[in-house]
Amino acid sequence: MTNLNSQAMLILAAFFWGTGNVAQKTVLTEIGPLTAVGLRCLIASIVLLPVVWHELPKAQNFARRNLGSVAVVVVLFAAAICLQQLCYAGTSVSNASFLISTTTVMTPFISWWACNSRPAAAIWLAVLCTFTGIILIAGGSIANLSWGDFVCLCSAFLYAMWFVALGRLVGKVGTPGLITLAQFLFAGCLFLGLGISLETVGLAQIFSVLPHLLYLGVFATGFAYGLQAMAQQRVSANVAAVLTSSESVFGVGAAAVLLGEHIKAPMFLGGILILVAISLVQVSPNWTCRAKTA
């Protein structure tokens, strides 16, 4: 698998995430956010099992040698995906789509601190374009951010930490399927259990949003995170974060087409800038995240 193929996989993952943002908003009309996260992750676990079947013999040795690193990755993933789902109760799909892309701005700083990996000049320019695009999509002001917007920013910060931790782990152990499956199983069991305990859950409610849950579980979770884990064996956390920031473009587009959310001229220009950032990543030298040294 070449770097170009890995980058294409990340953009495809971003497409699934962006279009899945509409489903994340829609399911909350019938079920709570904890239940939604739990179900989508368990559906994704079922989807992923056939793909990682060949990695299962390595599971015991993998878990024993890398338990601490795996625990960090799965906890960060669970916290980030839960906050992202929760934010849709307090913000629009368009807002959430661009705010989650601030992960791109946060990742270089976390990676620089954690891995002693100074970003290339093209990456910094891509980050600048992405950040400017996000501001334009936001309408040029952060004064009107809702509580859902702030929750989304917290999710973006956790995703940035997760990008770095995941990149280091998959680069070391080479079992992206097992790592992804561990994330899904942990988050699925945890949040479905919490959802049943804390939220009103009924079969009629679940079946009414089942098509959206299936899209979330199969495409926006199972396929998307699996593609990302495989791709991050060859690309750095910074490159992955910038490429997957195209989620905001796909998310805003899907919100306009499927939910009728209006796209203003500054939002359109912001989307173009994010696409420019993705192009800059294509021509930048790649770098990998290594353990931080004293």
C-alpha atoms as a PDB file:
ATOM      1  CA  MET A   1       0.000   0.000   0.000  1.00  0.00           C
ATOM      2  CA  THR A   2       1.513   3.331  -1.132  1.00  0.00           C
ATOM      3  CA  ASN A   3       1.292   6.704   0.589  1.00  0.00           C
ATOM      4  CA  LEU A   4      -1.053   7.885  -2.159  1.00  0.00           C
ATOM      5  CA  ASN A   5      -3.386   4.953  -1.535  1.00  0.00           C
ATOM      6  CA  SER A   6      -3.288   5.677   2.200  1.00  0.00           C
ATOM      7  CA  GLN A   7      -4.204   9.307   1.611  1.00  0.00           C
ATOM      8  CA  ALA A   8      -7.083   8.279  -0.671  1.00  0.00           C
ATOM      9  CA  MET A   9      -8.336   5.947   2.075  1.00  0.00           C
ATOM     10  CA  LEU A  10      -8.337   8.836   4.550  1.00  0.00           C
ATOM     11  CA  ILE A  11     -10.358  11.046   2.213  1.00  0.00           C
ATOM     12  CA  LEU A  12     -12.864   8.211   1.715  1.00  0.00           C
ATOM     13  CA  ALA A  13     -13.096   7.831   5.487  1.00  0.00           C
ATOM     14  CA  ALA A  14     -13.736  11.577   5.740  1.00  0.00           C
ATOM     15  CA  PHE A  15     -16.565  11.240   3.206  1.00  0.00           C
ATOM     16  CA  PHE A  16     -18.233   8.565   5.344  1.00  0.00           C
ATOM     17  CA  TRP A  17     -17.783  10.683   8.492  1.00  0.00           C
ATOM     18  CA  GLY A  18     -19.086  13.843   6.838  1.00  0.00           C
ATOM     19  CA  THR A  19     -22.199  12.251   5.368  1.00  0.00           C
ATOM     20  CA  GLY A  20     -22.658  10.331   8.616  1.00  0.00           C
ATOM     21  CA  ASN A  21     -22.988  13.630  10.477  1.00  0.00           C
ATOM     22  CA  VAL A  22     -26.531  13.919   9.140  1.00  0.00           C
ATOM     23  CA  ALA A  23     -27.347  10.492  10.568  1.00  0.00           C
ATOM     24  CA  GLN A  24     -25.820  11.481  13.925  1.00  0.00           C
ATOM     25  CA  LYS A  25     -28.190  14.437  14.115  1.00  0.00           C
ATOM     26  CA  THR A  26     -31.217  12.474  12.917  1.00  0.00           C
ATOM     27  CA  VAL A  27     -30.958   9.551  15.355  1.00  0.00           C
ATOM     28  CA  LEU A  28     -31.206  11.951  18.297  1.00  0.00           C
ATOM     29  CA  THR A  29     -34.841  12.606  17.401  1.00  0.00           C
ATOM     30  CA  GLU A  30     -35.683   9.139  18.776  1.00  0.00           C
ATOM     31  CA  ILE A  31     -32.820   7.832  20.957  1.00  0.00           C
ATOM     32  CA  GLY A  32     -30.283   9.328  23.354  1.00  0.00           C
ATOM     33  CA  PRO A  33     -26.641  10.026  22.452  1.00  0.00           C
ATOM     34  CA  LEU A  34     -25.223   7.273  24.701  1.00  0.00           C
ATOM     35  CA  THR A  35     -27.485   4.648  23.160  1.00  0.00           C
ATOM     36  CA  ALA A  36     -26.661   5.914  19.667  1.00  0.00           C
ATOM     37  CA  VAL A  37     -22.900   5.660  20.232  1.00  0.00           C
ATOM     38  CA  GLY A  38     -23.208   2.227  21.797  1.00  0.00           C
ATOM     39  CA  LEU A  39     -25.302   0.801  18.966  1.00  0.00           C
ATOM     40  CA  ARG A  40     -23.207   2.272  16.150  1.00  0.00           C
ATOM     41  CA  CYS A  41     -19.998   0.909  17.673  1.00  0.00           C
ATOM     42  CA  LEU A  42     -21.440  -2.576  18.210  1.00  0.00           C
ATOM     43  CA  ILE A  43     -22.748  -2.625  14.633  1.00  0.00           C
ATOM     44  CA  ALA A  44     -19.274  -1.586  13.491  1.00  0.00           C
ATOM     45  CA  SER A  45     -17.732  -4.424  15.532  1.00  0.00           C
ATOM     46  CA  ILE A  46     -19.864  -6.970  13.679  1.00  0.00           C
ATOM     47  CA  VAL A  47     -18.914  -5.435  10.327  1.00  0.00           C
ATOM     48  CA  LEU A  48     -15.215  -5.498  11.188  1.00  0.00           C
ATOM     49  CA  LEU A  49     -14.998  -9.079  12.477  1.00  0.00           C
ATOM     50  CA  PRO A  50     -14.649 -10.769   9.049  1.00  0.00           C
ATOM     51  CA  VAL A  51     -12.008  -8.226   8.056  1.00  0.00           C
ATOM     52  CA  VAL A  52      -9.808  -8.843  11.123  1.00  0.00           C
ATOM     53  CA  TRP A  53     -10.340 -12.596  11.301  1.00  0.00           C
ATOM     54  CA  HIS A  54      -6.756 -13.223  10.134  1.00  0.00           C
ATOM     55  CA  GLU A  55      -5.439 -11.000  12.942  1.00  0.00           C
ATOM     56  CA  LEU A  56      -7.297 -12.792  15.749  1.00  0.00           C
ATOM     57  CA  PRO A  57      -4.535 -15.387  16.398  1.00  0.00           C
ATOM     58  CA  LYS A  58      -2.294 -12.465  17.337  1.00  0.00           C
ATOM     59  CA  ALA A  59      -4.807 -11.043  19.804  1.00  0.00           C
ATOM     60  CA  GLN A  60      -3.432 -12.538  23.041  1.00  0.00           C
ATOM     61  CA  ASN A  61       0.183 -11.588  22.337  1.00  0.00           C
ATOM     62  CA  PHE A  62      -0.919  -8.194  21.021  1.00  0.00           C
ATOM     63  CA  ALA A  63      -2.913  -7.374  24.158  1.00  0.00           C
ATOM     64  CA  ARG A  64      -0.251  -8.578  26.583  1.00  0.00           C
ATOM     65  CA  ARG A  65       2.573  -6.535  25.035  1.00  0.00           C
ATOM     66  CA  ASN A  66       0.655  -3.355  24.315  1.00  0.00           C
ATOM     67  CA  LEU A  67      -2.037  -3.191  26.986  1.00  0.00           C
ATOM     68  CA  GLY A  68      -1.160   0.308  28.199  1.00  0.00           C
ATOM     69  CA  SER A  69      -0.997   1.843  24.715  1.00  0.00           C
ATOM     70  CA  VAL A  70      -4.199   0.116  23.628  1.00  0.00           C
ATOM     71  CA  ALA A  71      -5.989   1.360  26.750  1.00  0.00           C
ATOM     72  CA  VAL A  72      -4.984   4.964  25.991  1.00  0.00           C
ATOM     73  CA  VAL A  73      -6.184   4.694  22.395  1.00  0.00           C
ATOM     74  CA  VAL A  74      -9.550   3.076  23.185  1.00  0.00           C
ATOM     75  CA  VAL A  75     -10.335   5.487  26.035  1.00  0.00           C
ATOM     76  CA  LEU A  76      -9.494   8.542  23.912  1.00  0.00           C
ATOM     77  CA  PHE A  77     -11.606   7.164  21.074  1.00  0.00           C
ATOM     78  CA  ALA A  78     -14.563   6.438  23.344  1.00  0.00           C
ATOM     79  CA  ALA A  79     -14.499   9.892  24.932  1.00  0.00           C
ATOM     80  CA  ALA A  80     -14.107  11.685  21.596  1.00  0.00           C
ATOM     81  CA  ILE A  81     -16.880   9.827  19.753  1.00  0.00           C
ATOM     82  CA  CYS A  82     -19.265  10.212  22.696  1.00  0.00           C
ATOM     83  CA  LEU A  83     -18.751  13.982  22.903  1.00  0.00           C
ATOM     84  CA  GLN A  84     -19.109  14.276  19.142  1.00  0.00           C
ATOM     85  CA  GLN A  85     -22.472  12.496  19.243  1.00  0.00           C
ATOM     86  CA  LEU A  86     -23.598  14.590  22.220  1.00  0.00           C
ATOM     87  CA  CYS A  87     -22.792  17.873  20.495  1.00  0.00           C
ATOM     88  CA  TYR A  88     -25.491  17.297  17.869  1.00  0.00           C
ATOM     89  CA  ALA A  89     -28.120  17.855  20.563  1.00  0.00           C
ATOM     90  CA  GLY A  90     -26.928  21.462  20.801  1.00  0.00           C
ATOM     91  CA  THR A  91     -25.675  22.496  17.374  1.00  0.00           C
ATOM     92  CA  SER A  92     -26.312  22.113  13.651  1.00  0.00           C
ATOM     93  CA  VAL A  93     -24.726  19.545  11.354  1.00  0.00           C
ATOM     94  CA  SER A  94     -22.920  22.322   9.478  1.00  0.00           C
ATOM     95  CA  ASN A  95     -21.420  23.797  12.648  1.00  0.00           C
ATOM     96  CA  ALA A  96     -20.360  20.399  13.980  1.00  0.00           C
ATOM     97  CA  SER A  97     -18.823  19.464  10.632  1.00  0.00           C
ATOM     98  CA  PHE A  98     -16.424  22.396  10.580  1.00  0.00           C
ATOM     99  CA  LEU A  99     -15.752  22.583  14.336  1.00  0.00           C
ATOM    100  CA  ILE A 100     -14.637  18.957  14.483  1.00  0.00           C
ATOM    101  CA  SER A 101     -12.076  19.888  11.820  1.00  0.00           C
ATOM    102  CA  THR A 102     -10.203  21.987  14.380  1.00  0.00           C
ATOM    103  CA  THR A 103      -8.600  18.637  15.126  1.00  0.00           C
ATOM    104  CA  THR A 104      -6.353  19.534  12.204  1.00  0.00           C
ATOM    105  CA  VAL A 105      -5.119  22.659  13.982  1.00  0.00           C
ATOM    106  CA  MET A 106      -4.605  20.908  17.331  1.00  0.00           C
ATOM    107  CA  THR A 107      -2.849  17.756  16.092  1.00  0.00           C
ATOM    108  CA  PRO A 108       0.493  19.340  15.033  1.00  0.00           C
ATOM    109  CA  PHE A 109       1.019  20.837  18.475  1.00  0.00           C
ATOM    110  CA  ILE A 110       0.204  17.621  20.316  1.00  0.00           C
ATOM    111  CA  SER A 111       2.334  15.597  17.911  1.00  0.00           C
ATOM    112  CA  TRP A 112       5.233  18.047  18.168  1.00  0.00           C
ATOM    113  CA  TRP A 113       5.162  17.776  21.948  1.00  0.00           C
ATOM    114  CA  ALA A 114       4.620  14.016  22.124  1.00  0.00           C
ATOM    115  CA  CYS A 115       6.836  12.830  19.287  1.00  0.00           C
ATOM    116  CA  ASN A 116       9.486  15.502  18.642  1.00  0.00           C
ATOM    117  CA  SER A 117       8.204  15.602  15.049  1.00  0.00           C
ATOM    118  CA  ARG A 118       8.394  19.141  13.685  1.00  0.00           C
ATOM    119  CA  PRO A 119       5.792  19.589  10.912  1.00  0.00           C
ATOM    120  CA  ALA A 120       7.022  20.395   7.401  1.00  0.00           C
ATOM    121  CA  ALA A 121       6.405  23.900   6.056  1.00  0.00           C
ATOM    122  CA  ALA A 122       3.665  22.675   3.708  1.00  0.00           C
ATOM    123  CA  ILE A 123       1.818  21.107   6.654  1.00  0.00           C
ATOM    124  CA  TRP A 124       1.853  24.414   8.550  1.00  0.00           C
ATOM    125  CA  LEU A 125       0.514  26.205   5.475  1.00  0.00           C
ATOM    126  CA  ALA A 126      -2.182  23.529   5.183  1.00  0.00           C
ATOM    127  CA  VAL A 127      -3.076  24.037   8.836  1.00  0.00           C
ATOM    128  CA  LEU A 128      -3.335  27.801   8.263  1.00  0.00           C
ATOM    129  CA  CYS A 129      -5.623  27.268   5.264  1.00  0.00           C
ATOM    130  CA  THR A 130      -7.753  24.841   7.241  1.00  0.00           C
ATOM    131  CA  PHE A 131      -8.059  27.169  10.221  1.00  0.00           C
ATOM    132  CA  THR A 132      -8.965  30.121   7.975  1.00  0.00           C
ATOM    133  CA  GLY A 133     -11.527  27.951   6.224  1.00  0.00           C
ATOM    134  CA  ILE A 134     -13.070  26.966   9.533  1.00  0.00           C
ATOM    135  CA  ILE A 135     -13.360  30.613  10.609  1.00  0.00           C
ATOM    136  CA  LEU A 136     -15.057  31.499   7.328  1.00  0.00           C
ATOM    137  CA  ILE A 137     -17.497  28.622   7.649  1.00  0.00           C
ATOM    138  CA  ALA A 138     -18.244  29.876  11.172  1.00  0.00           C
ATOM    139  CA  GLY A 139     -19.234  33.254   9.755  1.00  0.00           C
ATOM    140  CA  GLY A 140     -16.112  35.048  10.986  1.00  0.00           C
ATOM    141  CA  SER A 141     -17.041  35.073  14.674  1.00  0.00           C
ATOM    142  CA  ILE A 142     -17.033  32.701  17.624  1.00  0.00           C
ATOM    143  CA  ALA A 143     -19.315  34.913  19.724  1.00  0.00           C
ATOM    144  CA  ASN A 144     -22.424  32.874  18.993  1.00  0.00           C
ATOM    145  CA  LEU A 145     -21.052  29.435  19.766  1.00  0.00           C
ATOM    146  CA  SER A 146     -23.602  27.245  21.587  1.00  0.00           C
ATOM    147  CA  TRP A 147     -22.909  24.647  24.285  1.00  0.00           C
ATOM    148  CA  GLY A 148     -23.010  22.031  21.531  1.00  0.00           C
ATOM    149  CA  ASP A 149     -20.282  23.899  19.671  1.00  0.00           C
ATOM    150  CA  PHE A 150     -18.038  23.905  22.746  1.00  0.00           C
ATOM    151  CA  VAL A 151     -18.647  20.164  23.279  1.00  0.00           C
ATOM    152  CA  CYS A 152     -17.627  19.639  19.655  1.00  0.00           C
ATOM    153  CA  LEU A 153     -14.376  21.538  20.246  1.00  0.00           C
ATOM    154  CA  CYS A 154     -13.648  19.316  23.261  1.00  0.00           C
ATOM    155  CA  SER A 155     -14.261  16.301  21.047  1.00  0.00           C
ATOM    156  CA  ALA A 156     -11.864  17.705  18.460  1.00  0.00           C
ATOM    157  CA  PHE A 157      -9.142  18.065  21.100  1.00  0.00           C
ATOM    158  CA  LEU A 158      -9.590  14.442  22.176  1.00  0.00           C
ATOM    159  CA  TYR A 159      -9.546  13.318  18.555  1.00  0.00           C
ATOM    160  CA  ALA A 160      -6.240  15.164  18.070  1.00  0.00           C
ATOM    161  CA  MET A 161      -4.720  13.309  21.025  1.00  0.00           C
ATOM    162  CA  TRP A 162      -6.191  10.071  19.666  1.00  0.00           C
ATOM    163  CA  PHE A 163      -4.709  10.676  16.191  1.00  0.00           C
ATOM    164  CA  VAL A 164      -1.225  10.844  17.676  1.00  0.00           C
ATOM    165  CA  ALA A 165      -1.673   7.880  20.025  1.00  0.00           C
ATOM    166  CA  LEU A 166      -3.216   5.747  17.285  1.00  0.00           C
ATOM    167  CA  GLY A 167      -0.486   6.614  14.785  1.00  0.00           C
ATOM    168  CA  ARG A 168       2.239   5.543  17.204  1.00  0.00           C
ATOM    169  CA  LEU A 169       0.450   2.313  18.099  1.00  0.00           C
ATOM    170  CA  VAL A 170      -0.421   1.069  14.599  1.00  0.00           C
ATOM    171  CA  GLY A 171       3.054   1.977  13.387  1.00  0.00           C
ATOM    172  CA  LYS A 172       4.567  -0.188  16.128  1.00  0.00           C
ATOM    173  CA  VAL A 173       2.337  -3.269  16.189  1.00  0.00           C
ATOM    174  CA  GLY A 174       0.959  -3.435  12.636  1.00  0.00           C
ATOM    175  CA  THR A 175      -2.478  -4.790  13.633  1.00  0.00           C
ATOM    176  CA  PRO A 176      -4.873  -1.977  12.696  1.00  0.00           C
ATOM    177  CA  GLY A 177      -7.884  -4.285  12.603  1.00  0.00           C
ATOM    178  CA  LEU A 178      -7.469  -5.496  16.183  1.00  0.00           C
ATOM    179  CA  ILE A 179      -6.926  -1.974  17.464  1.00  0.00           C
ATOM    180  CA  THR A 180     -10.035  -0.715  15.687  1.00  0.00           C
ATOM    181  CA  LEU A 181     -12.100  -3.653  16.926  1.00  0.00           C
ATOM    182  CA  ALA A 182     -10.924  -3.028  20.512  1.00  0.00           C
ATOM    183  CA  GLN A 183     -12.082   0.601  20.219  1.00  0.00           C
ATOM    184  CA  PHE A 184     -15.511  -0.392  18.940  1.00  0.00           C
ATOM    185  CA  LEU A 185     -16.125  -3.139  21.488  1.00  0.00           C
ATOM    186  CA  PHE A 186     -15.077  -0.988  24.442  1.00  0.00           C
ATOM    187  CA  ALA A 187     -17.116   2.047  23.372  1.00  0.00           C
ATOM    188  CA  GLY A 188     -20.084  -0.055  22.256  1.00  0.00           C
ATOM    189  CA  CYS A 189     -20.432  -2.051  25.479  1.00  0.00           C
ATOM    190  CA  LEU A 190     -19.726   0.961  27.725  1.00  0.00           C
ATOM    191  CA  PHE A 191     -22.133   3.424  26.146  1.00  0.00           C
ATOM    192  CA  LEU A 192     -24.940   0.999  25.378  1.00  0.00           C
ATOM    193  CA  GLY A 193     -24.844  -0.060  29.022  1.00  0.00           C
ATOM    194  CA  LEU A 194     -24.925   3.567  30.141  1.00  0.00           C
ATOM    195  CA  GLY A 195     -27.665   4.352  27.638  1.00  0.00           C
ATOM    196  CA  ILE A 196     -29.904   1.563  28.900  1.00  0.00           C
ATOM    197  CA  SER A 197     -29.328   2.765  32.467  1.00  0.00           C
ATOM    198  CA  LEU A 198     -29.689   6.510  31.946  1.00  0.00           C
ATOM    199  CA  GLU A 199     -31.807   7.021  28.839  1.00  0.00           C
ATOM    200  CA  THR A 200     -35.237   5.924  27.640  1.00  0.00           C
ATOM    201  CA  VAL A 201     -34.626   3.118  25.152  1.00  0.00           C
ATOM    202  CA  GLY A 202     -37.367   1.251  23.278  1.00  0.00           C
ATOM    203  CA  LEU A 203     -37.300  -1.143  20.325  1.00  0.00           C
ATOM    204  CA  ALA A 204     -39.835   0.987  18.456  1.00  0.00           C
ATOM    205  CA  GLN A 205     -37.563   4.022  18.778  1.00  0.00           C
ATOM    206  CA  ILE A 206     -34.521   2.069  17.634  1.00  0.00           C
ATOM    207  CA  PHE A 207     -36.303   0.598  14.599  1.00  0.00           C
ATOM    208  CA  SER A 208     -37.591   4.018  13.575  1.00  0.00           C
ATOM    209  CA  VAL A 209     -34.009   5.259  13.093  1.00  0.00           C
ATOM    210  CA  LEU A 210     -32.483   1.902  12.112  1.00  0.00           C
ATOM    211  CA  PRO A 211     -31.441   2.985   8.574  1.00  0.00           C
ATOM    212  CA  HIS A 212     -29.483   5.892  10.063  1.00  0.00           C
ATOM    213  CA  LEU A 213     -27.931   3.639  12.719  1.00  0.00           C
ATOM    214  CA  LEU A 214     -26.892   1.141  10.050  1.00  0.00           C
ATOM    215  CA  TYR A 215     -25.240   3.875   7.985  1.00  0.00           C
ATOM    216  CA  LEU A 216     -23.470   5.134  11.085  1.00  0.00           C
ATOM    217  CA  GLY A 217     -22.361   1.672  12.162  1.00  0.00           C
ATOM    218  CA  VAL A 218     -21.401   0.173   8.812  1.00  0.00           C
ATOM    219  CA  PHE A 219     -19.993   3.122   6.858  1.00  0.00           C
ATOM    220  CA  ALA A 220     -19.320   6.063   9.202  1.00  0.00           C
ATOM    221  CA  THR A 221     -17.800   3.814  11.889  1.00  0.00           C
ATOM    222  CA  GLY A 222     -16.820   0.333  10.692  1.00  0.00           C
ATOM    223  CA  PHE A 223     -15.451   1.216   7.265  1.00  0.00           C
ATOM    224  CA  ALA A 224     -14.270   4.748   8.072  1.00  0.00           C
ATOM    225  CA  TYR A 225     -12.262   4.011  11.227  1.00  0.00           C
ATOM    226  CA  GLY A 226     -10.934   0.780   9.720  1.00  0.00           C
ATOM    227  CA  LEU A 227      -9.658   2.691   6.691  1.00  0.00           C
ATOM    228  CA  GLN A 228      -8.081   5.287   8.955  1.00  0.00           C
ATOM    229  CA  ALA A 229      -6.270   2.737  11.111  1.00  0.00           C
ATOM    230  CA  MET A 230      -4.812   1.040   8.023  1.00  0.00           C
ATOM    231  CA  ALA A 231      -3.813   4.347   6.436  1.00  0.00           C
ATOM    232  CA  GLN A 232      -2.036   5.618   9.556  1.00  0.00           C
ATOM    233  CA  GLN A 233       0.525   2.862   9.211  1.00  0.00           C
ATOM    234  CA  ARG A 234       2.008   4.924   6.366  1.00  0.00           C
ATOM    235  CA  VAL A 235       1.078   8.548   7.011  1.00  0.00           C
ATOM    236  CA  SER A 236       1.733  10.785   9.985  1.00  0.00           C
ATOM    237  CA  ALA A 237      -0.842  12.050  12.446  1.00  0.00           C
ATOM    238  CA  ASN A 238      -0.586  15.568  10.960  1.00  0.00           C
ATOM    239  CA  VAL A 239      -1.209  14.372   7.410  1.00  0.00           C
ATOM    240  CA  ALA A 240      -4.093  12.182   8.576  1.00  0.00           C
ATOM    241  CA  ALA A 241      -5.662  15.069  10.495  1.00  0.00           C
ATOM    242  CA  VAL A 242      -5.488  17.484   7.560  1.00  0.00           C
ATOM    243  CA  LEU A 243      -6.835  14.964   5.045  1.00  0.00           C
ATOM    244  CA  THR A 244      -9.722  13.918   7.268  1.00  0.00           C
ATOM    245  CA  SER A 245     -10.593  17.581   7.813  1.00  0.00           C
ATOM    246  CA  SER A 246     -12.347  17.260   4.444  1.00  0.00           C
ATOM    247  CA  GLU A 247     -15.105  15.746   6.608  1.00  0.00           C
ATOM    248  CA  SER A 248     -16.292  19.322   7.119  1.00  0.00           C
ATOM    249  CA  VAL A 249     -16.790  19.845   3.381  1.00  0.00           C
ATOM    250  CA  PHE A 250     -18.703  16.599   2.995  1.00  0.00           C
ATOM    251  CA  GLY A 251     -20.682  17.259   6.170  1.00  0.00           C
ATOM    252  CA  VAL A 252     -21.776  20.757   5.191  1.00  0.00           C
ATOM    253  CA  GLY A 253     -22.693  19.529   1.718  1.00  0.00           C
ATOM    254  CA  ALA A 254     -24.747  16.639   3.095  1.00  0.00           C
ATOM    255  CA  ALA A 255     -26.492  18.952   5.570  1.00  0.00           C
ATOM    256  CA  ALA A 256     -27.467  21.298   2.741  1.00  0.00           C
ATOM    257  CA  VAL A 257     -28.767  18.530   0.474  1.00  0.00           C
ATOM    258  CA  LEU A 258     -30.472  16.290   3.044  1.00  0.00           C
ATOM    259  CA  LEU A 259     -31.507  18.712   5.791  1.00  0.00           C
ATOM    260  CA  GLY A 260     -31.864  21.952   3.871  1.00  0.00           C
ATOM    261  CA  GLU A 261     -29.255  23.811   5.946  1.00  0.00           C
ATOM    262  CA  HIS A 262     -28.281  26.982   4.093  1.00  0.00           C
ATOM    263  CA  ILE A 263     -24.699  27.401   2.843  1.00  0.00           C
ATOM    264  CA  LYS A 264     -23.618  31.046   2.778  1.00  0.00           C
ATOM    265  CA  ALA A 265     -20.829  32.448   0.595  1.00  0.00           C
ATOM    266  CA  PRO A 266     -18.218  32.552   3.441  1.00  0.00           C
ATOM    267  CA  MET A 267     -18.958  28.894   4.222  1.00  0.00           C
ATOM    268  CA  PHE A 268     -18.407  27.962   0.569  1.00  0.00           C
ATOM    269  CA  LEU A 269     -15.100  29.844   0.486  1.00  0.00           C
ATOM    270  CA  GLY A 270     -14.057  28.112   3.701  1.00  0.00           C
ATOM    271  CA  GLY A 271     -14.718  24.741   2.105  1.00  0.00           C
ATOM    272  CA  ILE A 272     -12.524  25.690  -0.861  1.00  0.00           C
ATOM    273  CA  LEU A 273      -9.687  26.604   1.515  1.00  0.00           C
ATOM    274  CA  ILE A 274      -9.932  23.215   3.211  1.00  0.00           C
ATOM    275  CA  LEU A 275      -9.664  21.543  -0.190  1.00  0.00           C
ATOM    276  CA  VAL A 276      -6.561  23.662  -0.840  1.00  0.00           C
ATOM    277  CA  ALA A 277      -5.133  22.375   2.445  1.00  0.00           C
ATOM    278  CA  ILE A 278      -5.710  18.804   1.304  1.00  0.00           C
ATOM    279  CA  SER A 279      -3.838  19.559  -1.934  1.00  0.00           C
ATOM    280  CA  LEU A 280      -0.913  20.972   0.029  1.00  0.00           C
ATOM    281  CA  VAL A 281      -0.665  17.749   2.018  1.00  0.00           C
ATOM    282  CA  GLN A 282      -0.327  15.792  -1.223  1.00  0.00           C
ATOM    283  CA  VAL A 283       2.928  17.591  -2.101  1.00  0.00           C
ATOM    284  CA  SER A 284       4.412  17.802   1.400  1.00  0.00           C
ATOM    285  CA  PRO A 285       7.172  15.449   2.604  1.00  0.00           C
ATOM    286  CA  ASN A 286       5.778  12.718   4.819  1.00  0.00           C
ATOM    287  CA  TRP A 287       6.984  12.201   8.384  1.00  0.00           C
ATOM    288  CA  THR A 288       6.201   9.665  11.042  1.00  0.00           C
ATOM    289  CA  CYS A 289       5.567  10.021  14.736  1.00  0.00           C
ATOM    290  CA  ARG A 290       8.166   8.389  16.940  1.00  0.00           C
ATOM    291  CA  ALA A 291       8.369   8.102  20.684  1.00  0.00           C
ATOM    292  CA  LYS A 292       9.471  11.289  22.415  1.00  0.00           C
ATOM    293  CA  THR A 293      13.052  11.243  23.622  1.00  0.00           C
ATOM    294  CA  ALA A 294      14.522  13.124  26.527  1.00  0.00           C
END
